[in-house]
Structures are given as C-alpha cells and as structure tokens.
N, C-alpha and C. Protein backbone atom coordinates (compact mmCIF):
# COMPACT_ATOMS: atom_id res chain seq x y z
N MET A 1 -76.67 -41.79 8.43
CA MET A 1 -75.26 -41.51 8.30
C MET A 1 -74.67 -41.14 9.66
N ARG A 2 -75.46 -40.43 10.48
CA ARG A 2 -74.96 -40.07 11.81
C ARG A 2 -74.62 -41.30 12.63
N GLN A 3 -75.46 -42.32 12.54
CA GLN A 3 -75.20 -43.56 13.26
C GLN A 3 -73.91 -44.21 12.77
N PHE A 4 -73.71 -44.22 11.47
CA PHE A 4 -72.52 -44.82 10.88
C PHE A 4 -71.26 -44.10 11.36
N ILE A 5 -71.26 -42.77 11.29
CA ILE A 5 -70.10 -41.98 11.69
C ILE A 5 -69.80 -42.18 13.18
N ALA A 6 -70.85 -42.33 13.98
CA ALA A 6 -70.67 -42.52 15.42
C ALA A 6 -70.26 -43.95 15.77
N GLY A 7 -70.21 -44.84 14.77
CA GLY A 7 -69.84 -46.23 15.04
C GLY A 7 -70.95 -47.04 15.66
N GLU A 8 -72.18 -46.54 15.55
CA GLU A 8 -73.35 -47.23 16.12
C GLU A 8 -73.96 -48.16 15.08
N PRO A 9 -74.80 -49.11 15.50
CA PRO A 9 -75.54 -49.92 14.53
C PRO A 9 -76.41 -48.99 13.68
N VAL A 10 -76.45 -49.24 12.38
CA VAL A 10 -77.18 -48.37 11.46
C VAL A 10 -78.56 -48.95 11.20
N ASP A 11 -79.58 -48.16 11.46
CA ASP A 11 -80.97 -48.52 11.16
C ASP A 11 -81.18 -48.32 9.66
N LEU A 12 -81.38 -49.40 8.93
CA LEU A 12 -81.55 -49.32 7.48
C LEU A 12 -83.00 -49.33 7.04
N GLY A 13 -83.91 -49.00 7.94
CA GLY A 13 -85.32 -48.97 7.59
C GLY A 13 -85.62 -48.05 6.41
N TRP A 14 -84.96 -46.91 6.36
CA TRP A 14 -85.15 -45.93 5.29
C TRP A 14 -84.72 -46.48 3.93
N PHE A 15 -83.92 -47.53 3.92
CA PHE A 15 -83.29 -48.06 2.72
C PHE A 15 -84.05 -49.25 2.12
N GLN A 16 -85.01 -49.79 2.86
CA GLN A 16 -85.64 -51.04 2.47
C GLN A 16 -86.41 -50.96 1.16
N ASN A 17 -87.09 -49.85 0.89
CA ASN A 17 -87.83 -49.74 -0.38
C ASN A 17 -86.89 -49.83 -1.57
N TRP A 18 -85.74 -49.18 -1.48
CA TRP A 18 -84.76 -49.21 -2.57
C TRP A 18 -84.22 -50.63 -2.76
N LEU A 19 -83.89 -51.31 -1.65
CA LEU A 19 -83.37 -52.67 -1.74
C LEU A 19 -84.41 -53.63 -2.31
N THR A 20 -85.65 -53.46 -1.92
CA THR A 20 -86.74 -54.29 -2.45
C THR A 20 -86.90 -54.07 -3.95
N MET A 21 -86.84 -52.81 -4.37
CA MET A 21 -86.96 -52.49 -5.79
C MET A 21 -85.83 -53.14 -6.59
N ILE A 22 -84.61 -53.12 -6.07
CA ILE A 22 -83.48 -53.76 -6.76
C ILE A 22 -83.72 -55.26 -6.85
N ARG A 23 -84.08 -55.89 -5.73
CA ARG A 23 -84.31 -57.34 -5.74
C ARG A 23 -85.37 -57.74 -6.76
N GLU A 24 -86.49 -57.00 -6.79
CA GLU A 24 -87.58 -57.31 -7.71
C GLU A 24 -87.14 -57.13 -9.16
N ALA A 25 -86.44 -56.04 -9.44
CA ALA A 25 -86.00 -55.78 -10.81
C ALA A 25 -85.00 -56.85 -11.28
N VAL A 26 -84.07 -57.20 -10.39
CA VAL A 26 -83.06 -58.21 -10.75
C VAL A 26 -83.74 -59.56 -10.96
N SER A 27 -84.75 -59.88 -10.17
CA SER A 27 -85.46 -61.16 -10.33
C SER A 27 -86.20 -61.22 -11.67
N GLN A 28 -86.46 -60.04 -12.27
CA GLN A 28 -87.12 -59.96 -13.57
C GLN A 28 -86.11 -59.87 -14.72
N GLY A 29 -84.82 -60.02 -14.38
CA GLY A 29 -83.79 -60.03 -15.41
C GLY A 29 -83.13 -58.69 -15.70
N ARG A 30 -83.48 -57.65 -14.95
CA ARG A 30 -82.84 -56.35 -15.16
C ARG A 30 -81.48 -56.33 -14.47
N ARG A 31 -80.60 -55.49 -14.99
CA ARG A 31 -79.26 -55.34 -14.40
C ARG A 31 -79.15 -53.94 -13.79
N PHE A 32 -78.54 -53.88 -12.63
CA PHE A 32 -78.22 -52.61 -11.98
C PHE A 32 -76.71 -52.59 -11.80
N THR A 33 -76.06 -51.65 -12.49
CA THR A 33 -74.62 -51.49 -12.33
C THR A 33 -74.33 -50.01 -12.13
N ARG A 34 -73.24 -49.76 -11.43
CA ARG A 34 -72.89 -48.37 -11.15
C ARG A 34 -71.40 -48.28 -10.86
N VAL A 35 -70.80 -47.18 -11.30
CA VAL A 35 -69.42 -46.88 -10.94
C VAL A 35 -69.46 -45.59 -10.14
N ARG A 36 -68.87 -45.63 -8.97
CA ARG A 36 -68.74 -44.43 -8.15
C ARG A 36 -67.30 -43.94 -8.25
N VAL A 37 -67.14 -42.71 -8.71
CA VAL A 37 -65.82 -42.09 -8.76
C VAL A 37 -65.65 -41.36 -7.43
N VAL A 38 -64.58 -41.70 -6.72
CA VAL A 38 -64.40 -41.16 -5.38
C VAL A 38 -63.02 -40.53 -5.21
N SER A 39 -62.98 -39.50 -4.38
CA SER A 39 -61.71 -38.86 -4.01
C SER A 39 -61.13 -39.59 -2.81
N MET A 40 -59.83 -39.63 -2.76
CA MET A 40 -59.14 -40.27 -1.63
C MET A 40 -58.43 -39.18 -0.84
N PRO A 41 -58.39 -39.23 0.47
CA PRO A 41 -59.09 -40.22 1.28
C PRO A 41 -60.60 -39.99 1.19
N LEU A 42 -61.34 -41.05 1.49
CA LEU A 42 -62.80 -40.98 1.40
C LEU A 42 -63.36 -40.01 2.43
N THR A 43 -64.36 -39.26 2.02
CA THR A 43 -65.10 -38.43 2.97
C THR A 43 -66.01 -39.34 3.79
N ASP A 44 -66.57 -38.83 4.86
CA ASP A 44 -67.54 -39.61 5.64
C ASP A 44 -68.70 -40.04 4.76
N TYR A 45 -69.15 -39.15 3.89
CA TYR A 45 -70.28 -39.47 3.00
C TYR A 45 -69.90 -40.63 2.07
N SER A 46 -68.70 -40.60 1.51
CA SER A 46 -68.27 -41.69 0.62
C SER A 46 -68.07 -43.00 1.38
N ARG A 47 -67.55 -42.92 2.60
CA ARG A 47 -67.41 -44.13 3.42
C ARG A 47 -68.78 -44.74 3.71
N PHE A 48 -69.75 -43.86 3.98
CA PHE A 48 -71.12 -44.34 4.20
C PHE A 48 -71.67 -44.99 2.93
N GLY A 49 -71.34 -44.42 1.77
CA GLY A 49 -71.75 -45.02 0.50
C GLY A 49 -71.18 -46.42 0.31
N VAL A 50 -69.92 -46.60 0.69
CA VAL A 50 -69.31 -47.93 0.60
C VAL A 50 -70.04 -48.90 1.53
N PHE A 51 -70.37 -48.44 2.72
CA PHE A 51 -71.14 -49.25 3.66
C PHE A 51 -72.49 -49.64 3.06
N CYS A 52 -73.22 -48.68 2.52
CA CYS A 52 -74.54 -48.95 1.94
C CYS A 52 -74.46 -49.88 0.73
N SER A 53 -73.37 -49.74 -0.04
CA SER A 53 -73.26 -50.56 -1.25
C SER A 53 -73.11 -52.05 -0.93
N GLU A 54 -72.68 -52.37 0.28
CA GLU A 54 -72.67 -53.79 0.66
C GLU A 54 -74.09 -54.35 0.59
N HIS A 55 -75.05 -53.57 1.00
CA HIS A 55 -76.44 -54.01 1.02
C HIS A 55 -77.06 -53.98 -0.37
N THR A 56 -76.74 -52.96 -1.17
CA THR A 56 -77.31 -52.93 -2.53
C THR A 56 -76.70 -54.03 -3.39
N ASN A 57 -75.41 -54.31 -3.19
CA ASN A 57 -74.81 -55.41 -3.94
C ASN A 57 -75.45 -56.74 -3.53
N ALA A 58 -75.72 -56.91 -2.24
CA ALA A 58 -76.37 -58.14 -1.78
C ALA A 58 -77.77 -58.27 -2.38
N ALA A 59 -78.41 -57.14 -2.68
CA ALA A 59 -79.74 -57.15 -3.28
C ALA A 59 -79.69 -57.42 -4.78
N GLY A 60 -78.49 -57.33 -5.38
CA GLY A 60 -78.36 -57.64 -6.80
C GLY A 60 -77.71 -56.56 -7.65
N GLU A 61 -77.43 -55.39 -7.06
CA GLU A 61 -76.75 -54.34 -7.81
C GLU A 61 -75.25 -54.64 -7.82
N ASP A 62 -74.56 -54.19 -8.84
CA ASP A 62 -73.11 -54.35 -8.92
C ASP A 62 -72.49 -52.96 -8.93
N ILE A 63 -72.03 -52.51 -7.76
CA ILE A 63 -71.41 -51.19 -7.63
C ILE A 63 -69.90 -51.39 -7.60
N ARG A 64 -69.23 -50.59 -8.41
CA ARG A 64 -67.77 -50.63 -8.44
C ARG A 64 -67.24 -49.23 -8.15
N TYR A 65 -65.96 -49.17 -7.81
CA TYR A 65 -65.34 -47.90 -7.40
C TYR A 65 -64.13 -47.59 -8.26
N LEU A 66 -63.98 -46.30 -8.55
CA LEU A 66 -62.86 -45.80 -9.32
C LEU A 66 -62.32 -44.57 -8.61
N LYS A 67 -61.04 -44.59 -8.31
CA LYS A 67 -60.43 -43.42 -7.66
C LYS A 67 -60.38 -42.27 -8.66
N ARG A 68 -60.67 -41.08 -8.16
CA ARG A 68 -60.78 -39.90 -9.02
C ARG A 68 -59.54 -39.68 -9.88
N ASP A 69 -58.36 -39.92 -9.33
CA ASP A 69 -57.14 -39.70 -10.12
C ASP A 69 -56.97 -40.72 -11.23
N GLU A 70 -57.78 -41.78 -11.22
CA GLU A 70 -57.75 -42.78 -12.28
C GLU A 70 -58.90 -42.58 -13.28
N ALA A 71 -59.70 -41.55 -13.05
CA ALA A 71 -60.87 -41.28 -13.90
C ALA A 71 -60.51 -40.31 -15.02
N VAL A 72 -59.37 -40.54 -15.64
CA VAL A 72 -58.87 -39.66 -16.70
C VAL A 72 -59.82 -39.72 -17.90
N ASP A 73 -60.08 -38.57 -18.49
CA ASP A 73 -60.92 -38.45 -19.69
C ASP A 73 -62.38 -38.81 -19.45
N LEU A 74 -62.82 -38.79 -18.21
CA LEU A 74 -64.23 -39.01 -17.90
C LEU A 74 -64.84 -37.68 -17.48
N PRO A 75 -66.15 -37.51 -17.65
CA PRO A 75 -66.77 -36.24 -17.26
C PRO A 75 -66.66 -36.00 -15.76
N ASP A 76 -66.75 -34.74 -15.37
CA ASP A 76 -66.64 -34.38 -13.96
C ASP A 76 -68.02 -34.13 -13.34
N TYR A 77 -69.02 -34.83 -13.83
CA TYR A 77 -70.37 -34.71 -13.31
C TYR A 77 -71.02 -36.09 -13.25
N ASP A 78 -72.08 -36.18 -12.46
CA ASP A 78 -72.81 -37.43 -12.30
C ASP A 78 -73.88 -37.56 -13.36
N TYR A 79 -74.11 -38.80 -13.79
CA TYR A 79 -75.22 -39.06 -14.71
C TYR A 79 -75.68 -40.51 -14.54
N TRP A 80 -76.90 -40.74 -14.98
CA TRP A 80 -77.47 -42.08 -14.98
C TRP A 80 -77.82 -42.44 -16.41
N LEU A 81 -77.55 -43.68 -16.78
CA LEU A 81 -78.00 -44.23 -18.05
C LEU A 81 -79.01 -45.33 -17.75
N PHE A 82 -80.13 -45.28 -18.44
CA PHE A 82 -81.15 -46.30 -18.28
C PHE A 82 -81.23 -47.08 -19.58
N ASP A 83 -80.97 -48.37 -19.50
CA ASP A 83 -81.01 -49.26 -20.67
C ASP A 83 -80.12 -48.76 -21.80
N SER A 84 -79.06 -48.06 -21.47
CA SER A 84 -78.08 -47.55 -22.43
C SER A 84 -78.66 -46.56 -23.43
N ARG A 85 -79.91 -46.12 -23.21
CA ARG A 85 -80.51 -45.22 -24.21
C ARG A 85 -81.24 -44.02 -23.64
N LYS A 86 -81.33 -43.94 -22.34
CA LYS A 86 -81.93 -42.76 -21.72
C LYS A 86 -80.90 -42.18 -20.76
N LEU A 87 -80.60 -40.90 -20.93
CA LEU A 87 -79.55 -40.24 -20.16
C LEU A 87 -80.16 -39.16 -19.28
N VAL A 88 -79.77 -39.19 -18.01
CA VAL A 88 -80.16 -38.14 -17.08
C VAL A 88 -78.88 -37.59 -16.45
N ARG A 89 -78.62 -36.32 -16.72
CA ARG A 89 -77.46 -35.65 -16.13
C ARG A 89 -77.90 -34.99 -14.83
N MET A 90 -77.16 -35.24 -13.77
CA MET A 90 -77.49 -34.69 -12.46
C MET A 90 -76.87 -33.31 -12.30
N HIS A 91 -77.61 -32.43 -11.63
CA HIS A 91 -77.11 -31.07 -11.37
C HIS A 91 -77.11 -30.83 -9.86
N PHE A 92 -76.00 -30.25 -9.39
CA PHE A 92 -75.80 -29.94 -7.98
C PHE A 92 -75.36 -28.50 -7.85
N ASP A 93 -75.62 -27.90 -6.69
CA ASP A 93 -75.12 -26.54 -6.45
C ASP A 93 -73.70 -26.62 -5.89
N ASP A 94 -73.13 -25.48 -5.55
CA ASP A 94 -71.75 -25.43 -5.06
C ASP A 94 -71.54 -26.16 -3.74
N GLU A 95 -72.63 -26.44 -3.03
CA GLU A 95 -72.53 -27.16 -1.76
C GLU A 95 -72.95 -28.62 -1.91
N ASP A 96 -73.00 -29.09 -3.15
CA ASP A 96 -73.36 -30.47 -3.48
C ASP A 96 -74.80 -30.85 -3.15
N ASN A 97 -75.69 -29.86 -3.08
CA ASN A 97 -77.11 -30.16 -2.91
C ASN A 97 -77.69 -30.49 -4.29
N PHE A 98 -78.46 -31.55 -4.36
CA PHE A 98 -79.04 -31.99 -5.63
C PHE A 98 -80.10 -30.99 -6.10
N LEU A 99 -79.95 -30.52 -7.32
CA LEU A 99 -80.89 -29.55 -7.89
C LEU A 99 -81.88 -30.19 -8.84
N GLY A 100 -81.56 -31.35 -9.34
CA GLY A 100 -82.46 -32.03 -10.26
C GLY A 100 -81.71 -32.72 -11.37
N GLY A 101 -82.45 -33.48 -12.15
CA GLY A 101 -81.86 -34.20 -13.28
C GLY A 101 -82.37 -33.64 -14.59
N GLU A 102 -81.51 -33.63 -15.56
CA GLU A 102 -81.84 -33.13 -16.90
C GLU A 102 -81.86 -34.33 -17.85
N ILE A 103 -83.01 -34.57 -18.48
CA ILE A 103 -83.11 -35.66 -19.44
C ILE A 103 -82.51 -35.17 -20.76
N ILE A 104 -81.56 -35.95 -21.27
CA ILE A 104 -80.89 -35.61 -22.53
C ILE A 104 -81.28 -36.67 -23.55
N GLU A 105 -81.77 -36.22 -24.69
CA GLU A 105 -82.27 -37.14 -25.71
C GLU A 105 -81.42 -37.21 -26.97
N ASP A 106 -80.39 -36.39 -27.08
CA ASP A 106 -79.53 -36.37 -28.26
C ASP A 106 -78.79 -37.70 -28.36
N PRO A 107 -79.03 -38.50 -29.41
CA PRO A 107 -78.40 -39.82 -29.53
C PRO A 107 -76.88 -39.78 -29.50
N ALA A 108 -76.25 -38.79 -30.10
CA ALA A 108 -74.79 -38.71 -30.10
C ALA A 108 -74.25 -38.50 -28.68
N VAL A 109 -74.94 -37.68 -27.90
CA VAL A 109 -74.52 -37.43 -26.52
C VAL A 109 -74.71 -38.70 -25.68
N ILE A 110 -75.79 -39.42 -25.94
CA ILE A 110 -76.04 -40.66 -25.21
C ILE A 110 -74.97 -41.70 -25.53
N VAL A 111 -74.59 -41.81 -26.79
CA VAL A 111 -73.54 -42.75 -27.17
C VAL A 111 -72.23 -42.40 -26.47
N GLU A 112 -71.91 -41.11 -26.41
CA GLU A 112 -70.68 -40.67 -25.74
C GLU A 112 -70.70 -41.08 -24.26
N HIS A 113 -71.85 -40.93 -23.61
CA HIS A 113 -71.95 -41.29 -22.20
C HIS A 113 -71.89 -42.81 -22.00
N ASN A 114 -72.38 -43.57 -22.97
CA ASN A 114 -72.22 -45.03 -22.92
C ASN A 114 -70.75 -45.40 -22.98
N TYR A 115 -70.01 -44.72 -23.84
CA TYR A 115 -68.57 -44.95 -23.93
C TYR A 115 -67.91 -44.67 -22.58
N TRP A 116 -68.23 -43.51 -21.98
CA TRP A 116 -67.64 -43.16 -20.69
C TRP A 116 -68.02 -44.17 -19.61
N ARG A 117 -69.27 -44.62 -19.63
CA ARG A 117 -69.68 -45.64 -18.66
C ARG A 117 -68.83 -46.89 -18.80
N ASP A 118 -68.65 -47.34 -20.04
CA ASP A 118 -67.87 -48.56 -20.27
C ASP A 118 -66.41 -48.37 -19.88
N ALA A 119 -65.84 -47.21 -20.19
CA ALA A 119 -64.45 -46.93 -19.82
C ALA A 119 -64.30 -46.93 -18.30
N ALA A 120 -65.23 -46.31 -17.61
CA ALA A 120 -65.18 -46.29 -16.14
C ALA A 120 -65.33 -47.71 -15.58
N TRP A 121 -66.25 -48.47 -16.13
CA TRP A 121 -66.50 -49.83 -15.66
C TRP A 121 -65.24 -50.69 -15.74
N HIS A 122 -64.52 -50.57 -16.84
CA HIS A 122 -63.34 -51.41 -17.04
C HIS A 122 -62.16 -51.00 -16.16
N ARG A 123 -62.17 -49.77 -15.69
CA ARG A 123 -61.09 -49.31 -14.79
C ARG A 123 -61.45 -49.50 -13.32
N ALA A 124 -62.72 -49.66 -13.03
CA ALA A 124 -63.20 -49.68 -11.64
C ALA A 124 -62.93 -51.03 -10.97
N VAL A 125 -62.95 -50.99 -9.64
CA VAL A 125 -62.71 -52.19 -8.82
C VAL A 125 -64.03 -52.60 -8.16
N ARG A 126 -64.21 -53.90 -8.05
CA ARG A 126 -65.42 -54.41 -7.38
C ARG A 126 -65.52 -53.83 -5.98
N ARG A 127 -66.73 -53.64 -5.52
CA ARG A 127 -66.99 -53.02 -4.21
C ARG A 127 -66.22 -53.72 -3.09
N ASP A 128 -66.30 -55.05 -3.03
CA ASP A 128 -65.67 -55.76 -1.92
C ASP A 128 -64.15 -55.59 -1.95
N ASP A 129 -63.55 -55.58 -3.13
CA ASP A 129 -62.10 -55.37 -3.23
C ASP A 129 -61.74 -53.95 -2.80
N PHE A 130 -62.54 -52.98 -3.22
CA PHE A 130 -62.29 -51.59 -2.85
C PHE A 130 -62.43 -51.41 -1.34
N ALA A 131 -63.45 -52.02 -0.76
CA ALA A 131 -63.72 -51.84 0.68
C ALA A 131 -62.61 -52.42 1.54
N THR A 132 -61.87 -53.38 1.03
CA THR A 132 -60.79 -53.98 1.83
C THR A 132 -59.48 -53.23 1.68
N GLU A 133 -59.40 -52.30 0.73
CA GLU A 133 -58.15 -51.53 0.55
C GLU A 133 -57.91 -50.58 1.70
C-alpha cells in the first residue's frame, strides 16, 4: 500500500497466492463475487482496494462497489457468505483492526444475509465503471 500511495510501481508478490486460488477455483466452476461498500471520498485504503480489485477481477472474481449513502437498509458490518449457506460475520475493533470471524449457523439469519447480499449486488456498480468515476 505504501508503494501505491507514493505513486510507485506496486510489487504484487504478496498477492499471487490469492490470485492463483481465485483462478483455480474459477476454472473449476466456482464463482467469486463481492460488493464493497465504500465511503466517499475514498480513503487511501479504499483506493488501494480498487487498484487491487483490477487484478482479482482479471483472475475471475467479480467485485462491485456501492457508495455508503446508497447502502440503505443494509447492515453496517462486513460478512462473507460461502455458497449462500455458510455465514461468517467479521469483527473489528474501534481502529478497524480485524479481530476474527464468527461463524453463524442459524438458517434464518443466513437467509437474511443472502437477501442483503442480493440487494447490495443489484445496487452496486461494476469495478471498472466505479474506477472511472
């Protein structure tokens, strides 16, 4: 991220394992989709995320962006859904340090999060369109 902020070429060596995993999974028919809810103007961290998403999208992931003020009626926390049936809610401290993920198995809660995922997806903009705004 320091290289990105300084306007230098970014060494993506640290990222290659993730990109390889996406490519392999996609070649086996799996889908990787994600909606990032972002505040405007973008922070340096979010701008770096947009930069990185160019590479993950090229590997087969479909990342889309939704401006926070358009994320009405969506939760104010991060979560991951795996195959629409496994839910992991992310926990962060007040300084946005990742504390861990909580696996949630309640089917009703998982269905609710699937609804939110779909609502976010339909409001979100494709990465390339967002990056050109």
